[in-house]
Amino acid sequence: MIGAVRYAVFGAACALVGCATPVLDAPQQWSGRLALRAQCPGSDNECPALAGGYELEGGVDRGALVFRSPLGIVLAELRWDQHGATRRVQGKTQHYDDVQAVVADTVAAGLPVAVLLDWLRGVPSPAMGWHVGGEQLLVARQEEPFVEVRVVPDRDALQVKERGTP
């Protein structure tokens, strides 16, 4: 009887600890809404703004990021792993040496990939030359060249962050 109680207490403790720590083998997935404004390269004018949803899976070493219009249409799909990166827009695929190159060409030069992935997860990580703030609405802004990223992670992502898990 005492052995059964110990196993029950041990099982309950493991379940509670399991709720507080991420499962390392489980795929890491986040989603939410994103708005991007930027200065057009070689111009003082602002490029057309991008707004819609995103789905992020993976991390710095291997992953995928899909941008969708407000109507759910895929606008761009980025994929990367140790062999390189690709960006697919309107049926055309471009290849890059690494994920940093595809992010620089898609979002902003000089923005570290790890920082962008943190922002999409709802974590306001600092980046050199960027002003970052917010909790439920994360706003990151670079003045020169002008780029502004606004991220609203889905509610589930915010609840995970509040529980203290990445």
Protein backbone atom coordinates (compact mmCIF):
# COMPACT_ATOMS: atom_id res chain seq x y z
CA MET A 1 0.00 0.00 0.00
CA ILE A 2 2.76 2.46 0.92
CA GLY A 3 4.56 1.58 -2.32
CA ALA A 4 1.43 2.40 -4.33
CA VAL A 5 1.10 5.78 -2.56
CA ARG A 6 4.78 6.56 -3.30
CA TYR A 7 4.27 5.77 -6.98
CA ALA A 8 1.14 7.91 -7.07
CA VAL A 9 2.94 10.86 -5.41
CA PHE A 10 5.96 10.36 -7.69
CA GLY A 11 3.66 10.23 -10.74
CA ALA A 12 1.83 13.39 -9.67
CA ALA A 13 5.14 15.20 -9.08
CA CYS A 14 6.40 14.15 -12.51
CA ALA A 15 3.18 15.38 -14.09
CA LEU A 16 3.51 18.77 -12.37
CA VAL A 17 7.16 19.10 -13.38
CA GLY A 18 6.22 18.06 -16.90
CA CYS A 19 3.79 20.99 -17.08
CA ALA A 20 6.53 23.41 -16.07
CA THR A 21 9.27 22.26 -18.43
CA PRO A 22 9.24 21.97 -22.21
CA VAL A 23 9.41 18.58 -23.85
CA LEU A 24 12.66 18.78 -25.80
CA ASP A 25 11.65 16.29 -28.49
CA ALA A 26 8.32 17.98 -29.19
CA PRO A 27 8.22 20.29 -32.21
CA GLN A 28 8.34 23.94 -31.21
CA GLN A 29 5.48 25.82 -32.90
CA TRP A 30 4.19 29.37 -32.57
CA SER A 31 1.70 31.49 -34.47
CA GLY A 32 0.20 34.94 -34.37
CA ARG A 33 -0.13 38.16 -36.30
CA LEU A 34 2.67 40.27 -37.74
CA ALA A 35 2.91 43.71 -39.31
CA LEU A 36 6.05 44.95 -41.05
CA ARG A 37 6.83 48.45 -42.32
CA ALA A 38 10.16 49.34 -43.89
CA GLN A 39 11.97 51.92 -45.96
CA CYS A 40 12.50 50.75 -49.54
CA PRO A 41 16.17 50.02 -50.29
CA GLY A 42 17.85 52.96 -52.04
CA SER A 43 14.88 55.27 -51.44
CA ASP A 44 13.48 57.62 -48.83
CA ASN A 45 10.01 56.17 -49.43
CA GLU A 46 8.34 53.53 -47.32
CA CYS A 47 7.69 50.16 -49.01
CA PRO A 48 4.15 48.74 -48.97
CA ALA A 49 3.38 47.39 -45.51
CA LEU A 50 3.02 43.67 -44.88
CA ALA A 51 0.40 42.47 -42.42
CA GLY A 52 -1.08 39.10 -41.70
CA GLY A 53 -0.54 35.90 -39.82
CA TYR A 54 2.54 33.79 -39.28
CA GLU A 55 3.33 30.23 -38.31
CA LEU A 56 6.77 29.41 -36.97
CA GLU A 57 8.16 25.95 -36.38
CA GLY A 58 11.61 24.98 -35.18
CA GLY A 59 14.52 27.16 -34.18
CA VAL A 60 17.75 28.72 -35.40
CA ASP A 61 19.26 25.45 -36.68
CA ARG A 62 16.22 24.10 -38.52
CA GLY A 63 12.77 25.51 -39.09
CA ALA A 64 10.07 27.04 -41.21
CA LEU A 65 8.22 30.35 -41.18
CA VAL A 66 5.04 30.96 -43.17
CA PHE A 67 3.53 34.43 -43.66
CA ARG A 68 -0.18 34.58 -44.57
CA SER A 69 -2.39 37.44 -45.74
CA PRO A 70 -5.33 38.47 -43.54
CA LEU A 71 -7.41 36.19 -45.79
CA GLY A 72 -5.13 33.20 -45.13
CA ILE A 73 -3.30 33.15 -48.47
CA VAL A 74 0.38 32.15 -48.19
CA LEU A 75 2.48 35.23 -49.04
CA ALA A 76 5.91 33.79 -48.29
CA GLU A 77 7.40 30.59 -46.93
CA LEU A 78 10.90 30.40 -45.48
CA ARG A 79 12.63 27.10 -44.70
CA TRP A 80 16.10 26.47 -43.36
CA ASP A 81 18.41 23.76 -42.06
CA GLN A 82 22.15 23.07 -41.86
CA HIS A 83 22.36 22.87 -45.69
CA GLY A 84 20.93 26.33 -46.43
CA ALA A 85 17.67 28.23 -46.68
CA THR A 86 14.90 28.88 -49.19
CA ARG A 87 12.26 31.53 -49.65
CA ARG A 88 9.18 30.77 -51.72
CA VAL A 89 7.06 33.72 -52.90
CA GLN A 90 4.36 33.52 -55.60
CA GLY A 91 5.55 30.09 -56.72
CA LYS A 92 9.18 31.17 -57.13
CA THR A 93 11.86 29.68 -54.87
CA GLN A 94 15.11 31.44 -54.04
CA HIS A 95 18.02 29.63 -52.38
CA TYR A 96 20.31 31.15 -49.74
CA ASP A 97 23.48 29.99 -48.01
CA ASP A 98 21.91 30.18 -44.56
CA VAL A 99 18.93 31.38 -42.57
CA GLN A 100 20.62 34.70 -41.70
CA ALA A 101 20.87 35.55 -45.41
CA VAL A 102 17.19 34.81 -46.09
CA VAL A 103 16.09 36.85 -43.04
CA ALA A 104 18.32 39.77 -44.09
CA ASP A 105 16.83 39.71 -47.59
CA THR A 106 13.24 39.27 -46.37
CA VAL A 107 12.92 41.36 -43.19
CA ALA A 108 15.97 43.48 -42.42
CA ALA A 109 19.71 43.32 -42.76
CA GLY A 110 21.51 43.11 -39.45
CA LEU A 111 18.62 41.50 -37.56
CA PRO A 112 19.92 38.35 -35.85
CA VAL A 113 17.76 35.29 -36.61
CA ALA A 114 17.61 34.24 -32.97
CA VAL A 115 16.17 37.65 -32.06
CA LEU A 116 13.51 37.53 -34.79
CA LEU A 117 12.50 34.03 -33.68
CA ASP A 118 12.26 35.25 -30.07
CA TRP A 119 10.00 38.11 -31.18
CA LEU A 120 7.72 35.71 -33.04
CA ARG A 121 7.53 33.64 -29.84
CA GLY A 122 6.51 36.77 -27.91
CA VAL A 123 9.87 37.30 -26.17
CA PRO A 124 11.09 40.95 -26.37
CA SER A 125 14.80 40.15 -26.86
CA PRO A 126 17.10 43.14 -27.43
CA ALA A 127 18.98 43.66 -30.70
CA MET A 128 21.68 46.21 -31.46
CA GLY A 129 20.20 49.24 -33.23
CA TRP A 130 16.62 48.19 -32.43
CA HIS A 131 14.20 49.55 -29.81
CA VAL A 132 12.06 46.70 -28.50
CA GLY A 133 9.15 46.82 -26.11
CA GLY A 134 5.75 45.49 -25.27
CA GLU A 135 4.18 42.44 -23.75
CA GLN A 136 1.07 41.27 -25.57
CA LEU A 137 1.97 43.49 -28.54
CA LEU A 138 5.69 43.40 -29.20
CA VAL A 139 7.01 46.38 -31.19
CA ALA A 140 10.56 46.43 -32.55
CA ARG A 141 11.81 49.50 -34.39
CA GLN A 142 15.03 50.38 -36.17
CA GLU A 143 15.51 54.00 -37.24
CA GLU A 144 18.16 53.73 -39.98
CA PRO A 145 17.14 52.26 -42.34
CA PHE A 146 13.61 52.46 -41.00
CA VAL A 147 12.02 49.09 -40.17
CA GLU A 148 9.18 48.42 -37.75
CA VAL A 149 7.98 44.96 -36.75
CA ARG A 150 4.81 44.46 -34.70
CA VAL A 151 4.07 40.98 -33.37
CA VAL A 152 1.00 39.67 -31.54
CA PRO A 153 1.53 36.02 -30.65
CA ASP A 154 -1.54 33.83 -30.32
CA ARG A 155 -2.89 33.61 -26.81
CA ASP A 156 -1.46 30.11 -26.30
CA ALA A 157 2.07 31.43 -26.89
CA LEU A 158 1.56 34.16 -24.28
CA GLN A 159 0.31 31.62 -21.74
CA VAL A 160 3.40 29.49 -22.31
CA LYS A 161 5.63 32.53 -21.79
CA GLU A 162 3.77 33.39 -18.56
CA ARG A 163 4.37 29.87 -17.24
CA GLY A 164 8.09 30.44 -17.74
CA THR A 165 8.74 28.02 -20.59
CA PRO A 166 10.44 29.03 -23.83
